[in-house]
């Protein structure tokens, strides 16, 4: 959670995006992969096609899948938009959204953090429970510019 929020704050006012990969079939997030928002937009995100190809090749080579796909919303609540729902293509992934809008003072943390499953256009919110602190292997962090 801390890594995602830090990435979202770093990229604000643009949306941040990335993936947390884990062993296939485990639903266990292990490798934090912040991505560059190729759209460089405060209202939309997209993975660069070359980065996405490298991401999936790397996951395939490590027998990994995207356990978490995350992005931020900079001016709205942390809830999937129609665009987010239409682009959701990983039915087993947890879609995590963090809002960095000015009034996102959920629990006085300065952000709103929520998780969803999106399957065939149906959105189901999941309870977020941090059960332990992971020391992630980082991949691609040097590729994410510090815009702050």
N, C-alpha and C. Protein backbone atom coordinates (compact mmCIF):
# COMPACT_ATOMS: atom_id res chain seq x y z
N UNK A 1 0.83 -1.19 0.00
CA UNK A 1 0.00 0.00 0.00
C UNK A 1 0.88 1.25 0.00
N UNK A 2 1.91 1.25 0.83
CA UNK A 2 2.77 2.42 0.93
C UNK A 2 3.47 2.73 -0.40
N UNK A 3 3.91 1.68 -1.10
CA UNK A 3 4.59 1.88 -2.39
C UNK A 3 3.65 2.47 -3.43
N UNK A 4 2.42 1.99 -3.47
CA UNK A 4 1.43 2.50 -4.43
C UNK A 4 1.12 3.96 -4.13
N UNK A 5 0.86 4.27 -2.87
CA UNK A 5 0.54 5.65 -2.48
C UNK A 5 1.72 6.58 -2.78
N UNK A 6 2.93 6.13 -2.49
CA UNK A 6 4.11 6.96 -2.78
C UNK A 6 4.23 7.23 -4.27
N UNK A 7 3.99 6.21 -5.10
CA UNK A 7 4.05 6.39 -6.55
C UNK A 7 2.97 7.38 -7.00
N UNK A 8 1.76 7.24 -6.47
CA UNK A 8 0.66 8.14 -6.84
C UNK A 8 0.98 9.58 -6.47
N UNK A 9 1.55 9.78 -5.30
CA UNK A 9 1.90 11.14 -4.88
C UNK A 9 3.03 11.71 -5.73
N UNK A 10 3.99 10.86 -6.09
CA UNK A 10 5.13 11.30 -6.91
C UNK A 10 4.67 11.77 -8.29
N UNK A 11 3.72 11.04 -8.88
CA UNK A 11 3.27 11.36 -10.24
C UNK A 11 2.17 12.42 -10.29
N UNK A 12 1.53 12.71 -9.16
CA UNK A 12 0.48 13.73 -9.12
C UNK A 12 1.04 15.05 -9.66
N UNK A 13 0.37 15.76 -10.54
CA UNK A 13 -1.05 15.70 -10.86
C UNK A 13 -1.44 14.70 -11.95
N UNK A 14 -0.48 13.96 -12.52
CA UNK A 14 -0.85 12.93 -13.50
C UNK A 14 -1.20 11.64 -12.77
N UNK A 15 -1.99 10.81 -13.42
CA UNK A 15 -2.30 9.51 -12.85
C UNK A 15 -1.06 8.63 -12.87
N UNK A 16 -0.87 7.86 -11.82
CA UNK A 16 0.21 6.88 -11.73
C UNK A 16 -0.39 5.51 -12.04
N UNK A 17 0.46 4.58 -12.48
CA UNK A 17 -0.04 3.24 -12.78
C UNK A 17 1.08 2.22 -12.62
N UNK A 18 0.70 0.99 -12.39
CA UNK A 18 1.68 -0.07 -12.26
C UNK A 18 1.04 -1.41 -11.95
N UNK A 19 1.89 -2.37 -11.67
CA UNK A 19 1.47 -3.75 -11.46
C UNK A 19 2.25 -4.31 -10.29
N UNK A 20 1.63 -5.20 -9.54
CA UNK A 20 2.35 -6.02 -8.58
C UNK A 20 2.16 -7.46 -9.04
N UNK A 21 3.27 -8.08 -9.43
CA UNK A 21 3.22 -9.45 -9.94
C UNK A 21 3.43 -10.43 -8.80
N UNK A 22 2.94 -11.64 -9.02
CA UNK A 22 3.14 -12.70 -8.04
C UNK A 22 3.11 -14.05 -8.72
N UNK A 23 3.51 -15.09 -7.99
CA UNK A 23 3.53 -16.43 -8.57
C UNK A 23 2.16 -16.84 -9.10
N UNK A 24 2.17 -17.46 -10.26
CA UNK A 24 0.93 -17.90 -10.88
C UNK A 24 0.16 -18.81 -9.92
N UNK A 25 -1.13 -18.52 -9.76
CA UNK A 25 -2.01 -19.33 -8.92
C UNK A 25 -1.93 -19.04 -7.44
N UNK A 26 -1.11 -18.07 -7.03
CA UNK A 26 -0.93 -17.84 -5.59
C UNK A 26 -1.76 -16.69 -5.03
N UNK A 27 -2.12 -15.70 -5.86
CA UNK A 27 -2.78 -14.48 -5.41
C UNK A 27 -1.92 -13.74 -4.38
N UNK A 28 -0.61 -13.90 -4.47
CA UNK A 28 0.33 -13.29 -3.52
C UNK A 28 1.16 -12.22 -4.22
N UNK A 29 1.00 -10.95 -3.85
CA UNK A 29 1.78 -9.88 -4.50
C UNK A 29 3.22 -9.92 -4.02
N UNK A 30 4.16 -9.99 -4.97
CA UNK A 30 5.57 -10.09 -4.58
C UNK A 30 6.49 -9.10 -5.27
N UNK A 31 6.22 -8.75 -6.52
CA UNK A 31 7.17 -7.90 -7.26
C UNK A 31 6.46 -6.62 -7.70
N UNK A 32 6.87 -5.51 -7.11
CA UNK A 32 6.28 -4.19 -7.37
C UNK A 32 6.90 -3.61 -8.64
N UNK A 33 6.04 -3.27 -9.61
CA UNK A 33 6.53 -2.78 -10.90
C UNK A 33 5.82 -1.47 -11.24
N UNK A 34 6.37 -0.33 -10.79
CA UNK A 34 5.76 0.94 -11.17
C UNK A 34 5.98 1.17 -12.66
N UNK A 35 4.97 1.65 -13.33
CA UNK A 35 5.05 1.88 -14.77
C UNK A 35 4.92 3.39 -15.03
N UNK A 36 5.35 3.77 -16.19
CA UNK A 36 5.21 5.16 -16.63
C UNK A 36 3.85 5.30 -17.31
N UNK A 37 3.10 6.32 -16.93
CA UNK A 37 1.84 6.61 -17.60
C UNK A 37 2.17 7.26 -18.94
N UNK A 38 2.06 6.48 -20.00
CA UNK A 38 2.40 6.97 -21.34
C UNK A 38 1.51 8.13 -21.77
N UNK A 39 0.30 8.21 -21.21
CA UNK A 39 -0.62 9.30 -21.55
C UNK A 39 -0.21 10.61 -20.86
N UNK A 40 0.53 10.49 -19.76
CA UNK A 40 0.92 11.66 -18.95
C UNK A 40 -0.25 12.61 -18.78
N UNK A 41 -1.31 12.05 -18.22
CA UNK A 41 -2.58 12.77 -18.10
C UNK A 41 -3.10 12.71 -16.67
N UNK A 42 -3.77 13.78 -16.23
CA UNK A 42 -4.39 13.77 -14.90
C UNK A 42 -5.75 13.03 -14.89
N UNK A 43 -6.24 12.63 -16.07
CA UNK A 43 -7.56 11.99 -16.13
C UNK A 43 -7.56 10.63 -16.80
N UNK A 44 -6.40 10.14 -17.23
CA UNK A 44 -6.36 8.88 -17.96
C UNK A 44 -4.97 8.28 -17.81
N UNK A 45 -4.90 6.97 -17.81
CA UNK A 45 -3.58 6.33 -17.81
C UNK A 45 -3.55 5.27 -18.89
N UNK A 46 -2.37 5.04 -19.40
CA UNK A 46 -2.16 3.92 -20.30
C UNK A 46 -0.71 3.47 -20.18
N UNK A 47 -0.54 2.16 -20.26
CA UNK A 47 0.80 1.60 -20.25
C UNK A 47 1.39 1.75 -21.64
N UNK A 48 2.66 2.12 -21.72
CA UNK A 48 3.36 2.15 -22.99
C UNK A 48 3.37 0.73 -23.56
N UNK A 49 3.10 0.57 -24.85
CA UNK A 49 2.99 -0.77 -25.43
C UNK A 49 4.29 -1.56 -25.31
N UNK A 50 5.43 -0.90 -25.46
CA UNK A 50 6.72 -1.58 -25.31
C UNK A 50 6.96 -2.01 -23.88
N UNK A 51 6.63 -1.12 -22.93
CA UNK A 51 6.77 -1.46 -21.51
C UNK A 51 5.85 -2.62 -21.14
N UNK A 52 4.65 -2.60 -21.69
CA UNK A 52 3.68 -3.66 -21.40
C UNK A 52 4.17 -5.01 -21.95
N UNK A 53 4.74 -4.99 -23.14
CA UNK A 53 5.28 -6.21 -23.72
C UNK A 53 6.42 -6.75 -22.85
N UNK A 54 7.32 -5.87 -22.42
CA UNK A 54 8.43 -6.29 -21.54
C UNK A 54 7.90 -6.81 -20.21
N UNK A 55 6.87 -6.16 -19.67
CA UNK A 55 6.27 -6.60 -18.41
C UNK A 55 5.75 -8.03 -18.53
N UNK A 56 4.95 -8.30 -19.56
CA UNK A 56 4.35 -9.63 -19.70
C UNK A 56 5.40 -10.69 -20.06
N UNK A 57 6.42 -10.33 -20.82
CA UNK A 57 7.50 -11.28 -21.09
C UNK A 57 8.24 -11.63 -19.80
N UNK A 58 8.51 -10.62 -18.99
CA UNK A 58 9.18 -10.85 -17.71
C UNK A 58 8.34 -11.70 -16.77
N UNK A 59 7.04 -11.42 -16.72
CA UNK A 59 6.17 -12.23 -15.86
C UNK A 59 6.11 -13.66 -16.38
N UNK A 60 6.00 -13.84 -17.68
CA UNK A 60 5.97 -15.20 -18.25
C UNK A 60 7.25 -15.95 -17.91
N UNK A 61 8.38 -15.28 -18.02
CA UNK A 61 9.68 -15.92 -17.73
C UNK A 61 9.80 -16.34 -16.27
N UNK A 62 9.09 -15.63 -15.39
CA UNK A 62 9.15 -15.92 -13.95
C UNK A 62 7.93 -16.68 -13.45
N UNK A 63 7.09 -17.18 -14.37
CA UNK A 63 5.84 -17.85 -13.99
C UNK A 63 5.00 -16.99 -13.05
N UNK A 64 4.87 -15.71 -13.43
CA UNK A 64 4.11 -14.75 -12.64
C UNK A 64 2.88 -14.28 -13.41
N UNK A 65 1.96 -13.71 -12.66
CA UNK A 65 0.77 -13.08 -13.22
C UNK A 65 0.59 -11.73 -12.53
N UNK A 66 -0.20 -10.84 -13.14
CA UNK A 66 -0.48 -9.57 -12.46
C UNK A 66 -1.49 -9.82 -11.33
N UNK A 67 -1.04 -9.75 -10.10
CA UNK A 67 -1.92 -9.96 -8.94
C UNK A 67 -2.68 -8.67 -8.66
N UNK A 68 -1.99 -7.54 -8.77
CA UNK A 68 -2.59 -6.22 -8.56
C UNK A 68 -2.27 -5.35 -9.76
N UNK A 69 -3.28 -4.68 -10.27
CA UNK A 69 -3.09 -3.63 -11.28
C UNK A 69 -3.60 -2.36 -10.62
N UNK A 70 -2.73 -1.38 -10.52
CA UNK A 70 -3.13 -0.18 -9.78
C UNK A 70 -2.99 1.07 -10.63
N UNK A 71 -3.78 2.07 -10.25
CA UNK A 71 -3.58 3.41 -10.78
C UNK A 71 -4.23 4.41 -9.83
N UNK A 72 -3.94 5.67 -10.08
CA UNK A 72 -4.48 6.71 -9.22
C UNK A 72 -5.50 7.54 -9.96
N UNK A 73 -6.37 8.14 -9.18
CA UNK A 73 -7.28 9.16 -9.68
C UNK A 73 -6.88 10.45 -8.97
N UNK A 74 -6.71 11.50 -9.73
CA UNK A 74 -6.17 12.74 -9.15
C UNK A 74 -7.25 13.76 -8.77
N UNK A 75 -8.45 13.60 -9.30
CA UNK A 75 -9.49 14.59 -9.01
C UNK A 75 -10.82 13.95 -8.63
N UNK A 76 -10.88 12.63 -8.62
CA UNK A 76 -12.12 11.92 -8.31
C UNK A 76 -11.86 10.86 -7.26
N UNK A 77 -12.94 10.22 -6.80
CA UNK A 77 -12.80 9.18 -5.79
C UNK A 77 -12.09 7.95 -6.35
N UNK A 78 -11.63 7.10 -5.47
CA UNK A 78 -10.94 5.87 -5.86
C UNK A 78 -11.99 4.81 -6.19
N UNK A 79 -12.59 4.95 -7.34
CA UNK A 79 -13.60 4.01 -7.83
C UNK A 79 -13.41 3.89 -9.34
N UNK A 80 -13.53 2.68 -9.89
CA UNK A 80 -13.31 2.52 -11.34
C UNK A 80 -14.26 3.37 -12.17
N UNK A 81 -13.69 4.06 -13.14
CA UNK A 81 -14.49 4.83 -14.09
C UNK A 81 -15.02 3.89 -15.18
N UNK A 82 -15.88 4.38 -16.03
CA UNK A 82 -16.35 3.57 -17.16
C UNK A 82 -15.19 3.12 -18.03
N UNK A 83 -14.21 4.01 -18.22
CA UNK A 83 -13.03 3.66 -19.01
C UNK A 83 -12.24 2.55 -18.32
N UNK A 84 -12.03 2.69 -17.01
CA UNK A 84 -11.31 1.66 -16.25
C UNK A 84 -12.00 0.30 -16.41
N UNK A 85 -13.30 0.29 -16.32
CA UNK A 85 -14.07 -0.96 -16.42
C UNK A 85 -13.95 -1.55 -17.81
N UNK A 86 -14.03 -0.70 -18.83
CA UNK A 86 -13.98 -1.21 -20.20
C UNK A 86 -12.61 -1.77 -20.56
N UNK A 87 -11.53 -1.27 -19.92
CA UNK A 87 -10.18 -1.75 -20.22
C UNK A 87 -9.72 -2.88 -19.31
N UNK A 88 -10.49 -3.21 -18.29
CA UNK A 88 -10.10 -4.28 -17.35
C UNK A 88 -10.09 -5.61 -18.09
N UNK A 89 -8.91 -6.22 -18.18
CA UNK A 89 -8.80 -7.45 -18.98
C UNK A 89 -8.18 -8.62 -18.22
N UNK A 90 -7.97 -8.45 -16.93
CA UNK A 90 -7.38 -9.50 -16.10
C UNK A 90 -8.39 -9.89 -15.01
N UNK A 91 -9.24 -10.87 -15.28
CA UNK A 91 -10.31 -11.20 -14.32
C UNK A 91 -9.82 -11.70 -12.96
N UNK A 92 -8.59 -12.19 -12.88
CA UNK A 92 -8.07 -12.68 -11.60
C UNK A 92 -7.36 -11.59 -10.79
N UNK A 93 -7.11 -10.45 -11.42
CA UNK A 93 -6.36 -9.37 -10.76
C UNK A 93 -7.24 -8.57 -9.81
N UNK A 94 -6.57 -7.98 -8.83
CA UNK A 94 -7.20 -7.00 -7.94
C UNK A 94 -6.89 -5.64 -8.56
N UNK A 95 -7.91 -4.86 -8.84
CA UNK A 95 -7.73 -3.52 -9.40
C UNK A 95 -7.76 -2.53 -8.24
N UNK A 96 -6.60 -1.97 -7.94
CA UNK A 96 -6.47 -1.06 -6.81
C UNK A 96 -6.44 0.36 -7.33
N UNK A 97 -7.21 1.21 -6.67
CA UNK A 97 -7.23 2.63 -7.01
C UNK A 97 -6.92 3.44 -5.77
N UNK A 98 -6.13 4.47 -5.96
CA UNK A 98 -5.83 5.42 -4.89
C UNK A 98 -6.18 6.81 -5.41
N UNK A 99 -6.88 7.58 -4.59
CA UNK A 99 -7.21 8.95 -4.99
C UNK A 99 -6.28 9.91 -4.28
N UNK A 100 -5.73 10.83 -5.04
CA UNK A 100 -4.85 11.86 -4.48
C UNK A 100 -5.50 13.24 -4.58
N UNK A 101 -6.82 13.27 -4.78
CA UNK A 101 -7.51 14.56 -4.90
C UNK A 101 -7.37 15.33 -3.59
N UNK A 102 -7.56 16.63 -3.66
CA UNK A 102 -7.36 17.51 -2.50
C UNK A 102 -8.20 17.13 -1.30
N UNK A 103 -9.43 16.67 -1.52
CA UNK A 103 -10.30 16.36 -0.38
C UNK A 103 -10.29 14.87 -0.01
N UNK A 104 -9.32 14.12 -0.51
CA UNK A 104 -9.23 12.69 -0.20
C UNK A 104 -8.60 12.52 1.17
N UNK A 105 -9.37 12.77 2.18
CA UNK A 105 -8.85 12.68 3.54
C UNK A 105 -9.42 11.47 4.27
N UNK A 106 -9.54 10.36 3.54
CA UNK A 106 -10.05 9.14 4.14
C UNK A 106 -9.18 8.78 5.34
N UNK A 107 -9.81 8.72 6.49
CA UNK A 107 -9.10 8.40 7.73
C UNK A 107 -7.91 9.34 7.98
N UNK A 108 -7.98 10.54 7.48
CA UNK A 108 -6.95 11.56 7.67
C UNK A 108 -5.58 11.12 7.15
N UNK A 109 -5.56 10.26 6.15
CA UNK A 109 -4.29 9.79 5.60
C UNK A 109 -3.86 10.61 4.39
N UNK A 110 -4.77 11.42 3.83
CA UNK A 110 -4.43 12.20 2.65
C UNK A 110 -4.65 11.45 1.36
N UNK A 111 -5.24 10.27 1.45
CA UNK A 111 -5.55 9.51 0.25
C UNK A 111 -6.71 8.54 0.54
N UNK A 112 -7.30 8.10 -0.51
CA UNK A 112 -8.36 7.09 -0.43
C UNK A 112 -7.83 5.88 -1.20
N UNK A 113 -7.89 4.69 -0.62
CA UNK A 113 -7.28 3.48 -1.17
C UNK A 113 -8.33 2.38 -1.18
N UNK A 114 -8.66 1.87 -2.39
CA UNK A 114 -9.71 0.85 -2.51
C UNK A 114 -9.31 -0.22 -3.52
N UNK A 115 -9.89 -1.41 -3.38
CA UNK A 115 -9.60 -2.51 -4.27
C UNK A 115 -10.89 -3.09 -4.83
N UNK A 116 -10.82 -3.53 -6.09
CA UNK A 116 -12.00 -4.06 -6.79
C UNK A 116 -11.62 -5.27 -7.62
N UNK A 117 -12.59 -6.11 -7.85
CA UNK A 117 -12.50 -7.13 -8.90
C UNK A 117 -13.38 -6.61 -10.02
N UNK A 118 -12.90 -6.76 -11.25
CA UNK A 118 -13.67 -6.32 -12.41
C UNK A 118 -13.69 -7.49 -13.38
N UNK A 119 -14.84 -8.13 -13.50
CA UNK A 119 -14.99 -9.31 -14.35
C UNK A 119 -16.18 -9.10 -15.27
N UNK A 120 -15.93 -9.12 -16.57
CA UNK A 120 -16.99 -8.95 -17.57
C UNK A 120 -17.82 -7.70 -17.31
N UNK A 121 -17.17 -6.61 -16.93
CA UNK A 121 -17.86 -5.34 -16.71
C UNK A 121 -18.53 -5.20 -15.36
N UNK A 122 -18.48 -6.24 -14.54
CA UNK A 122 -19.10 -6.20 -13.21
C UNK A 122 -18.02 -5.84 -12.19
N UNK A 123 -18.29 -4.79 -11.42
CA UNK A 123 -17.34 -4.29 -10.43
C UNK A 123 -17.79 -4.72 -9.03
N UNK A 124 -16.88 -5.35 -8.30
CA UNK A 124 -17.15 -5.76 -6.93
C UNK A 124 -16.04 -5.23 -6.04
N UNK A 125 -16.41 -4.43 -5.05
CA UNK A 125 -15.39 -3.90 -4.15
C UNK A 125 -14.96 -4.96 -3.15
N UNK A 126 -13.67 -4.94 -2.84
CA UNK A 126 -13.09 -5.87 -1.87
C UNK A 126 -12.61 -5.08 -0.66
N UNK A 127 -12.65 -5.71 0.48
CA UNK A 127 -12.07 -5.09 1.67
C UNK A 127 -10.55 -5.13 1.55
N UNK A 128 -9.92 -4.02 1.87
CA UNK A 128 -8.46 -3.96 1.85
C UNK A 128 -7.98 -4.21 3.28
N UNK A 129 -7.17 -5.22 3.43
CA UNK A 129 -6.60 -5.53 4.74
C UNK A 129 -5.11 -5.75 4.56
N UNK A 130 -4.32 -4.92 5.20
CA UNK A 130 -2.87 -5.08 5.15
C UNK A 130 -2.51 -6.05 6.27
N UNK A 131 -2.04 -7.24 5.87
CA UNK A 131 -1.79 -8.27 6.86
C UNK A 131 -0.31 -8.39 7.23
N UNK A 132 0.57 -7.94 6.39
CA UNK A 132 1.99 -7.92 6.72
C UNK A 132 2.68 -6.96 5.77
N UNK A 133 3.84 -6.54 6.15
CA UNK A 133 4.61 -5.65 5.31
C UNK A 133 5.49 -6.50 4.41
N UNK A 134 5.38 -6.29 3.13
CA UNK A 134 6.20 -7.00 2.17
C UNK A 134 7.42 -6.18 1.82
N UNK A 135 8.53 -6.82 1.65
CA UNK A 135 9.70 -6.17 1.09
C UNK A 135 9.71 -6.58 -0.37
N UNK A 136 9.20 -5.72 -1.22
CA UNK A 136 9.06 -6.05 -2.63
C UNK A 136 10.40 -6.04 -3.34
N UNK A 137 10.49 -6.91 -4.31
CA UNK A 137 11.55 -6.77 -5.29
C UNK A 137 11.07 -5.66 -6.22
N UNK A 138 11.93 -4.73 -6.52
CA UNK A 138 11.53 -3.61 -7.38
C UNK A 138 12.05 -3.82 -8.78
N UNK A 139 11.18 -3.56 -9.73
CA UNK A 139 11.57 -3.62 -11.13
C UNK A 139 11.03 -2.37 -11.79
N UNK A 140 11.88 -1.63 -12.43
CA UNK A 140 11.42 -0.49 -13.21
C UNK A 140 11.33 0.80 -12.45
N UNK A 141 11.68 0.82 -11.17
CA UNK A 141 11.53 2.04 -10.39
C UNK A 141 12.36 3.19 -10.95
N UNK A 142 13.51 2.86 -11.54
CA UNK A 142 14.35 3.92 -12.12
C UNK A 142 13.72 4.51 -13.37
N UNK A 143 12.73 3.81 -13.95
CA UNK A 143 12.08 4.31 -15.15
C UNK A 143 10.97 5.31 -14.85
N UNK A 144 10.57 5.41 -13.57
CA UNK A 144 9.49 6.30 -13.20
C UNK A 144 10.11 7.63 -12.78
N UNK A 145 9.81 8.68 -13.54
CA UNK A 145 10.43 9.97 -13.22
C UNK A 145 9.87 10.55 -11.94
N UNK A 146 10.69 11.24 -11.19
CA UNK A 146 10.25 11.95 -9.99
C UNK A 146 9.76 13.31 -10.46
N UNK A 147 8.44 13.46 -10.53
CA UNK A 147 7.85 14.70 -11.04
C UNK A 147 7.62 15.71 -9.93
N UNK A 148 7.93 15.34 -8.69
CA UNK A 148 7.64 16.18 -7.53
C UNK A 148 8.69 17.14 -7.33
